[in-house]
Structures are given as structure tokens and as C-alpha cells.
Amino acid sequence: MSSLPLEKRVAVVTGGSRGIGGAISRLLAEDGATVAVLGLPIDRERTETLRLHLNGSAPRLHFYEGDVGDFGECRRAVEGIVAEHGRIDYLVNNAGITRDHTVRKMTVDEWQAVLQVNLSGPFFMIKAVLDTMVAQQFGRIVNISSVVGQGGNFGQANYAAAKAGLIGLTKTVALEVAKNRITVNAVAPGFIDTEMTKAMPSEAIEMAISQTPKRRLGQPEEVAHLVRFLIDDNAGYITGAVYNVNGGWYM
């Protein structure tokens, strides 16, 4: 009987208990990877809920508590994952928050909170895993950016700045580690049918759909399948790239 394609590989997915992150965790686990979901205490129960839908792949899903906005917690989580599973092959930086206001109304705390999680968080996680990946001479890093980081969005200066910065981080780290057989790419989703999108005012959702040539929201699984492609062994010549999954909202 043939083995699963990602058997013996270890993935870390930040914010991997629901939404886009949950779809990524599920797909990687179903393909045989050991998946470490990194999240806040509230994500422990969400991860258990996700496990209920995984059937035979549920034992491959593990929860690790950690705040990606704190480098010390990122480093401790990575050390724990390596100690338990022996390696880290894939890192998907998916965790993110929003604190939406126009610049005039946005507080400094709201600005800093979003930058800390959405931009510093991926930097902290990349820094924490790189020594392991370099020692292995193999790694795949995928950063979940956003169409908002490419085209901007009213009331989301903090989110747009963080997601745009994540693209710059992606390209720079890709240059630095290419010689170590590590690839670093970004995926920029548009408006995806997740809890974060559902929290938007209904008129904003309707406007986003009307401005999207595909005339619908994207599904988390559509983003997950692209991430799955980018972490594959056969994607080793793709690095420093940004892939749009936005239904044509931004081209």
C-alpha cells in the first residue's frame, strides 16, 4: 500500500484551527503530514473541534499554545515541536487579526496590535524555524498575505500595511535562504468566506462580491490547495513569489 505524500513531514500552521488556517491544517493532515497548530488558549477547543472532522488523520493534528506576537513564545513553541517530532518541514504563517478604523479614528494601540501579530508574528516564526530548516537543508515557508496588502482597503491602514510588509519580508527571506533548499512564498487571498469576513458589515460584503469578477466569496479550501502546491517537494523552483486567490478583485 502506497504511503501518503506528506508522510514523515512536519508542518506548523499558525492560527490553524479555523477559517483558512483550519482548511490548510486539514488538507496537510489528510495528506499525511504531522500538523502543529499554533494558537492562543481559545484555539485549543477549536482545534479539538477540527479534529472531529478529520477521521483517520486526527492523530496527526496537535495543538501548541503560543502568541505569535511574542518572540519568546514563538521560540519556545518551535523548540517544543522539534523536541516532540524531530523536525519542521513547513511553516504556514496564517495567524492574523483586524482592528478596523479610518486613520483619523484608529488608535495607536490598534495600529501596533495589528502590526505586531500580522507582520512581526511571521518574522518571529520564520526566525524561530530557520536554524532547523537550514540544518535539514530543506524547508517550505508560506506567508498568508492579502489582496488588501496589494490594493489597500478603506479603514484598514494597519492591516494593509502589515500584509504589504509581509510581501516584502517574503521576498527578502527567499533571497537569503534559497541556497539552503528553502523556499519562501506568499499567498494573497481576496475576500474568503470565513468568520473574519462574516464579521464585516453586510453591505461591505455585498460590495466586495459586486466588485469581484467571479461574483462570489472564495472558499478556505481554495486557498489551502494553493498552499499545498507550494509546500510540495516538486515546487522547489518557486520562491519569492506572490500568488493571488481573489476571484479577479485585484490583478
Protein backbone atom coordinates (compact mmCIF):
# COMPACT_ATOMS: atom_id res chain seq x y z
CA MET A 1 0.00 0.00 0.00
CA SER A 2 1.43 3.38 -1.01
CA SER A 3 2.28 5.91 1.67
CA LEU A 4 0.64 9.29 1.94
CA PRO A 5 2.52 12.03 0.03
CA LEU A 6 3.43 14.11 3.09
CA GLU A 7 4.15 11.23 5.45
CA LYS A 8 7.04 11.95 7.87
CA ARG A 9 6.81 15.69 7.16
CA VAL A 10 6.04 18.14 9.97
CA ALA A 11 4.08 21.34 9.41
CA VAL A 12 3.46 24.33 11.66
CA VAL A 13 0.33 26.35 10.88
CA THR A 14 -0.22 29.49 12.94
CA GLY A 15 -3.87 30.25 13.52
CA GLY A 16 -4.52 26.82 12.07
CA SER A 17 -7.70 25.90 13.94
CA ARG A 18 -10.35 27.53 11.75
CA GLY A 19 -11.00 29.51 8.57
CA ILE A 20 -8.19 29.46 6.03
CA GLY A 21 -5.78 28.07 8.63
CA GLY A 22 -8.17 25.26 9.51
CA ALA A 23 -8.56 24.30 5.84
CA ILE A 24 -4.76 24.23 5.47
CA SER A 25 -4.28 22.12 8.61
CA ARG A 26 -6.92 19.66 7.49
CA LEU A 27 -5.52 19.24 3.98
CA LEU A 28 -1.93 18.74 5.16
CA ALA A 29 -3.00 16.23 7.81
CA GLU A 30 -5.11 14.31 5.29
CA ASP A 31 -2.05 14.10 3.03
CA GLY A 32 -0.03 12.56 5.85
CA ALA A 33 1.82 15.46 7.48
CA THR A 34 2.07 15.87 11.21
CA VAL A 35 0.46 19.27 11.77
CA ALA A 36 1.25 21.50 14.73
CA VAL A 37 -1.45 24.13 15.14
CA LEU A 38 -0.06 27.15 16.97
CA GLY A 39 -2.62 29.39 18.61
CA LEU A 40 -3.99 31.13 21.68
CA PRO A 41 -5.76 29.27 24.53
CA ILE A 42 -9.14 29.75 22.83
CA ASP A 43 -7.81 27.86 19.81
CA ARG A 44 -7.30 24.65 21.79
CA GLU A 45 -11.03 23.89 21.78
CA ARG A 46 -11.30 24.94 18.14
CA THR A 47 -8.51 22.53 17.25
CA GLU A 48 -10.34 19.72 19.02
CA THR A 49 -13.44 20.58 17.00
CA LEU A 50 -11.36 20.41 13.84
CA ARG A 51 -10.01 17.02 14.86
CA LEU A 52 -13.57 15.66 14.99
CA HIS A 53 -13.83 16.19 11.23
CA LEU A 54 -10.51 14.56 10.34
CA ASN A 55 -11.43 10.90 10.81
CA GLY A 56 -8.28 8.81 10.30
CA SER A 57 -5.95 11.80 10.12
CA ALA A 58 -6.99 13.23 13.51
CA PRO A 59 -3.98 11.74 15.38
CA ARG A 60 -1.69 13.80 13.13
CA LEU A 61 -3.13 17.11 14.37
CA HIS A 62 -1.55 18.62 17.50
CA PHE A 63 -2.15 21.90 19.34
CA TYR A 64 0.60 24.10 20.75
CA GLU A 65 -0.18 27.24 22.69
CA GLY A 66 1.69 30.39 21.76
CA ASP A 67 1.22 34.06 20.91
CA VAL A 68 2.88 34.77 17.56
CA GLY A 69 3.29 38.40 18.61
CA ASP A 70 5.80 37.33 21.27
CA PHE A 71 9.16 36.07 20.00
CA GLY A 72 9.89 34.18 23.22
CA GLU A 73 6.65 32.21 22.90
CA CYS A 74 7.34 31.50 19.22
CA ARG A 75 10.79 30.18 20.04
CA ARG A 76 9.51 28.01 22.90
CA ALA A 77 6.75 26.56 20.73
CA VAL A 78 9.17 25.72 17.93
CA GLU A 79 11.58 24.11 20.39
CA GLY A 80 8.72 22.00 21.75
CA ILE A 81 7.61 20.91 18.30
CA VAL A 82 11.15 19.93 17.27
CA ALA A 83 11.67 18.08 20.56
CA GLU A 84 8.47 16.08 20.05
CA HIS A 85 8.53 15.49 16.30
CA GLY A 86 12.21 15.82 15.38
CA ARG A 87 11.94 18.37 12.57
CA ILE A 88 9.91 21.14 10.94
CA ASP A 89 9.48 20.99 7.18
CA TYR A 90 6.72 23.51 6.57
CA LEU A 91 5.75 26.80 8.18
CA VAL A 92 2.49 28.49 7.21
CA ASN A 93 2.16 31.96 8.72
CA ASN A 94 -1.59 32.37 8.74
CA ALA A 95 -2.49 33.95 12.11
CA GLY A 96 -3.90 37.44 11.81
CA ILE A 97 -6.20 39.98 13.43
CA THR A 98 -8.07 43.10 12.36
CA ARG A 99 -8.72 46.37 14.18
CA ASP A 100 -10.50 48.41 11.53
CA HIS A 101 -10.89 52.19 11.59
CA THR A 102 -10.01 55.06 9.30
CA VAL A 103 -6.62 56.57 10.03
CA ARG A 104 -8.24 59.56 11.72
CA LYS A 105 -10.11 57.27 14.15
CA MET A 106 -7.57 54.48 14.50
CA THR A 107 -5.76 54.45 17.84
CA VAL A 108 -2.04 53.91 18.11
CA ASP A 109 -2.77 50.72 20.07
CA GLU A 110 -4.92 49.41 17.20
CA TRP A 111 -2.16 50.16 14.73
CA GLN A 112 0.52 48.47 16.82
CA ALA A 113 -1.60 45.42 17.70
CA VAL A 114 -2.21 44.53 14.06
CA LEU A 115 1.41 45.11 13.03
CA GLN A 116 2.61 43.01 15.97
CA VAL A 117 0.54 39.95 15.07
CA ASN A 118 0.31 40.23 11.28
CA LEU A 119 3.86 41.30 10.46
CA SER A 120 6.12 40.84 13.47
CA GLY A 121 4.46 37.45 14.09
CA PRO A 122 5.57 35.93 10.77
CA PHE A 123 9.06 37.41 11.26
CA PHE A 124 9.27 35.87 14.74
CA MET A 125 8.12 32.46 13.47
CA ILE A 126 10.47 32.48 10.50
CA LYS A 127 13.38 33.44 12.75
CA ALA A 128 12.43 30.64 15.16
CA VAL A 129 12.33 27.88 12.50
CA LEU A 130 15.18 28.86 10.20
CA ASP A 131 18.02 27.19 12.11
CA THR A 132 16.13 23.89 11.98
CA MET A 133 15.36 24.22 8.28
CA VAL A 134 18.93 25.22 7.44
CA ALA A 135 20.26 22.22 9.37
CA GLN A 136 17.86 19.99 7.41
CA GLN A 137 18.75 21.74 4.14
CA PHE A 138 15.05 21.73 3.37
CA GLY A 139 12.04 23.88 4.17
CA ARG A 140 8.91 25.46 2.80
CA ILE A 141 7.56 28.74 4.20
CA VAL A 142 4.25 30.16 3.03
CA ASN A 143 3.06 33.54 4.30
CA ILE A 144 -0.65 34.35 4.07
CA SER A 145 -0.78 37.95 2.91
CA SER A 146 -3.93 39.58 1.50
CA VAL A 147 -5.34 41.38 -1.51
CA VAL A 148 -5.62 44.32 0.90
CA GLY A 149 -1.83 44.42 1.07
CA GLN A 150 -1.74 44.87 -2.70
CA GLY A 151 -4.63 47.25 -3.35
CA GLY A 152 -5.39 48.84 0.01
CA ASN A 153 -8.82 48.98 1.62
CA PHE A 154 -10.82 51.72 3.26
CA GLY A 155 -10.49 51.63 7.05
CA GLN A 156 -7.68 49.05 7.08
CA ALA A 157 -4.45 51.04 7.03
CA ASN A 158 -2.92 48.85 9.73
CA TYR A 159 -3.96 45.57 8.09
CA ALA A 160 -2.90 46.75 4.61
CA ALA A 161 0.48 47.93 5.87
CA ALA A 162 1.14 44.63 7.64
CA LYS A 163 0.11 42.49 4.68
CA ALA A 164 2.13 44.62 2.25
CA GLY A 165 5.11 44.37 4.57
CA LEU A 166 4.68 40.60 4.64
CA ILE A 167 5.22 40.51 0.88
CA GLY A 168 8.49 42.39 1.31
CA LEU A 169 9.52 40.02 4.10
CA THR A 170 8.70 37.05 1.88
CA LYS A 171 10.91 38.23 -0.96
CA THR A 172 13.83 39.13 1.28
CA VAL A 173 13.89 35.85 3.22
CA ALA A 174 13.52 33.96 -0.07
CA LEU A 175 16.76 35.57 -1.28
CA GLU A 176 18.58 34.80 1.96
CA VAL A 177 17.75 31.09 2.22
CA ALA A 178 17.46 29.90 -1.38
CA LYS A 179 20.90 28.29 -1.17
CA ASN A 180 19.64 26.11 1.70
CA ARG A 181 16.86 24.47 -0.35
CA ILE A 182 14.27 26.55 1.50
CA THR A 183 11.53 28.29 -0.45
CA VAL A 184 9.52 31.27 0.79
CA ASN A 185 6.33 32.35 -0.96
CA ALA A 186 3.24 34.40 -0.22
CA VAL A 187 -0.42 33.76 -0.94
CA ALA A 188 -2.70 36.79 -1.15
CA PRO A 189 -6.35 35.80 -0.67
CA GLY A 190 -9.20 38.09 -1.57
CA PHE A 191 -12.50 38.03 0.30
CA ILE A 192 -12.83 34.49 1.64
CA ASP A 193 -15.87 33.00 3.37
CA THR A 194 -14.51 32.94 6.94
CA GLU A 195 -15.57 34.25 10.34
CA MET A 196 -13.37 37.33 9.80
CA THR A 197 -15.26 38.18 6.62
CA LYS A 198 -18.65 37.40 8.16
CA ALA A 199 -17.85 40.00 10.85
CA MET A 200 -17.82 42.70 8.18
CA PRO A 201 -21.00 44.77 7.67
CA SER A 202 -23.33 43.06 5.19
CA GLU A 203 -23.18 45.99 2.81
CA ALA A 204 -19.37 45.76 2.74
CA ILE A 205 -19.57 42.05 1.88
CA GLU A 206 -22.11 42.73 -0.86
CA MET A 207 -19.88 45.47 -2.28
CA ALA A 208 -16.83 43.16 -2.23
CA ILE A 209 -18.78 40.49 -4.12
CA SER A 210 -20.06 43.01 -6.66
CA GLN A 211 -16.50 44.22 -7.31
CA THR A 212 -15.17 40.66 -7.74
CA PRO A 213 -15.38 39.37 -11.33
CA LYS A 214 -16.20 35.86 -10.04
CA ARG A 215 -19.18 37.38 -8.15
CA ARG A 216 -18.71 35.31 -5.01
CA LEU A 217 -16.60 34.91 -1.91
CA GLY A 218 -13.72 32.47 -2.08
CA GLN A 219 -13.68 29.29 -0.02
CA PRO A 220 -10.94 28.49 2.51
CA GLU A 221 -10.22 25.23 0.69
CA GLU A 222 -9.34 27.15 -2.47
CA VAL A 223 -6.55 28.89 -0.59
CA ALA A 224 -5.48 25.66 1.13
CA HIS A 225 -4.95 23.84 -2.18
CA LEU A 226 -2.58 26.57 -3.36
CA VAL A 227 -0.61 26.35 -0.11
CA ARG A 228 -0.47 22.58 -0.54
CA PHE A 229 1.02 23.05 -4.02
CA LEU A 230 3.68 25.46 -2.75
CA ILE A 231 4.90 23.15 0.04
CA ASP A 232 5.25 20.15 -2.26
CA ASP A 233 8.69 18.71 -2.97
CA ASN A 234 8.04 19.38 -6.66
CA ALA A 235 7.67 23.14 -6.05
CA GLY A 236 11.33 23.64 -5.20
CA TYR A 237 11.98 26.12 -8.04
CA ILE A 238 9.26 28.52 -6.90
CA THR A 239 10.39 31.11 -4.38
CA GLY A 240 9.85 34.78 -3.66
CA ALA A 241 6.51 34.67 -5.49
CA VAL A 242 3.12 36.11 -4.57
CA TYR A 243 0.04 34.15 -5.66
CA ASN A 244 -3.37 35.81 -5.82
CA VAL A 245 -6.54 33.93 -4.87
CA ASN A 246 -9.06 36.72 -5.16
CA GLY A 247 -11.56 35.94 -7.91
CA GLY A 248 -10.12 38.75 -10.02
CA TRP A 249 -10.68 41.52 -7.46
CA TYR A 250 -7.06 42.64 -7.93
CA MET A 251 -4.96 41.75 -10.99
